Amino acid sequence: MIQLIRLTTNEMIITEVVDESEEYLSLKEPFALVPTNDGKLNFIPWSPLSEENTPVKMYTKHVVYYATPNEDVLANYKDIFSNIIKPQGSGKIIT
């Protein structure tokens, strides 16, 4: 399940939570959400030096809250992993 997670460091990340316990969350493809000056969000790999396709464990003591992302943020996150290029504003998909 894809979640927004606010950390005690005030970072906001979006990730797929693949496992959880009282002690830790196991995360797949975590990205930090960084606001820009024009009100948009940049998606930055949160653990860029970790081995690919290996979950990242984060201790729950560092989590303030987690929640379901809104549709726009979720769509942008999913687009990162999509091979389909969608032209902006047209609503059409070019394959």
Protein backbone atom coordinates (compact mmCIF):
# COMPACT_ATOMS: atom_id res chain seq x y z
CA MET A 1 0.00 0.00 0.00
CA ILE A 2 1.37 3.41 -0.98
CA GLN A 3 1.58 5.87 1.92
CA LEU A 4 2.71 9.40 2.74
CA ILE A 5 4.96 9.33 5.80
CA ARG A 6 5.89 12.38 7.90
CA LEU A 7 9.14 11.85 9.80
CA THR A 8 10.36 13.42 13.03
CA THR A 9 12.93 15.28 10.88
CA ASN A 10 9.93 16.95 9.16
CA GLU A 11 10.66 15.13 5.89
CA MET A 12 7.66 13.88 3.93
CA ILE A 13 8.16 10.71 1.90
CA ILE A 14 5.91 8.68 -0.37
CA THR A 15 6.53 4.97 -0.59
CA GLU A 16 5.02 1.55 -0.83
CA VAL A 17 4.90 0.00 2.65
CA VAL A 18 5.54 -3.71 2.09
CA ASP A 19 5.74 -4.79 5.73
CA GLU A 20 5.23 -3.24 9.13
CA SER A 21 5.67 -4.12 12.76
CA GLU A 22 5.66 -2.15 16.00
CA GLU A 23 9.39 -1.56 15.56
CA TYR A 24 9.83 -0.80 11.86
CA LEU A 25 8.29 -0.20 8.43
CA SER A 26 9.72 -1.91 5.37
CA LEU A 27 9.62 0.49 2.41
CA LYS A 28 9.85 -0.06 -1.34
CA GLU A 29 10.84 2.81 -3.67
CA PRO A 30 10.77 5.66 -1.10
CA PHE A 31 10.83 9.21 -2.47
CA ALA A 32 11.11 12.46 -0.53
CA LEU A 33 8.58 15.14 -1.44
CA VAL A 34 10.31 18.50 -1.71
CA PRO A 35 8.19 21.62 -2.28
CA THR A 36 9.37 24.10 -4.91
CA ASN A 37 9.02 27.90 -4.90
CA ASP A 38 6.21 27.70 -7.47
CA GLY A 39 4.05 25.44 -5.27
CA LYS A 40 4.86 22.14 -6.98
CA LEU A 41 6.48 19.03 -5.53
CA ASN A 42 9.71 17.39 -6.59
CA PHE A 43 10.07 13.66 -6.04
CA ILE A 44 13.63 12.88 -4.93
CA PRO A 45 14.88 9.32 -4.24
CA TRP A 46 14.98 9.05 -0.44
CA SER A 47 17.65 6.37 -0.20
CA PRO A 48 19.54 6.66 -3.52
CA LEU A 49 22.57 4.64 -2.41
CA SER A 50 20.66 1.56 -1.25
CA GLU A 51 20.61 -1.57 -3.37
CA GLU A 52 17.84 -1.61 -5.98
CA ASN A 53 14.80 -3.82 -5.39
CA THR A 54 15.70 -4.20 -1.72
CA PRO A 55 13.26 -2.85 0.87
CA VAL A 56 14.48 -0.07 3.16
CA LYS A 57 13.71 -0.53 6.86
CA MET A 58 12.72 2.54 8.83
CA TYR A 59 12.16 2.46 12.57
CA THR A 60 8.68 3.56 13.60
CA LYS A 61 10.11 5.78 16.33
CA HIS A 62 11.00 8.21 13.52
CA VAL A 63 7.43 8.38 12.17
CA VAL A 64 5.08 11.19 13.18
CA TYR A 65 2.20 9.92 11.03
CA TYR A 66 1.37 8.20 7.79
CA ALA A 67 -1.64 8.64 5.53
CA THR A 68 -3.05 7.79 2.12
CA PRO A 69 -1.83 10.27 -0.53
CA ASN A 70 -4.33 12.31 -2.53
CA GLU A 71 -5.03 11.29 -6.13
CA ASP A 72 -2.69 13.84 -7.74
CA VAL A 73 0.33 12.90 -5.60
CA LEU A 74 -0.39 9.19 -6.07
CA ALA A 75 -0.65 9.58 -9.86
CA ASN A 76 2.65 11.49 -9.99
CA TYR A 77 4.36 8.81 -7.87
CA LYS A 78 3.05 6.03 -10.14
CA ASP A 79 4.17 7.96 -13.24
CA ILE A 80 7.78 7.70 -12.03
CA PHE A 81 7.65 3.96 -12.67
CA SER A 82 5.58 4.05 -15.87
CA ASN A 83 7.03 3.52 -19.35
CA ILE A 84 4.08 5.37 -20.90
CA ILE A 85 4.62 9.01 -21.86
CA LYS A 86 1.50 11.16 -21.47
CA PRO A 87 1.42 14.61 -23.09
CA GLN A 88 0.45 17.32 -20.64
CA GLY A 89 -3.09 18.62 -20.83
CA SER A 90 -4.33 16.40 -23.65
CA GLY A 91 -5.61 13.48 -21.57
CA LYS A 92 -4.45 11.14 -24.34
CA ILE A 93 -1.86 8.41 -24.00
CA ILE A 94 0.75 7.92 -26.71
CA THR A 95 2.31 4.46 -26.89
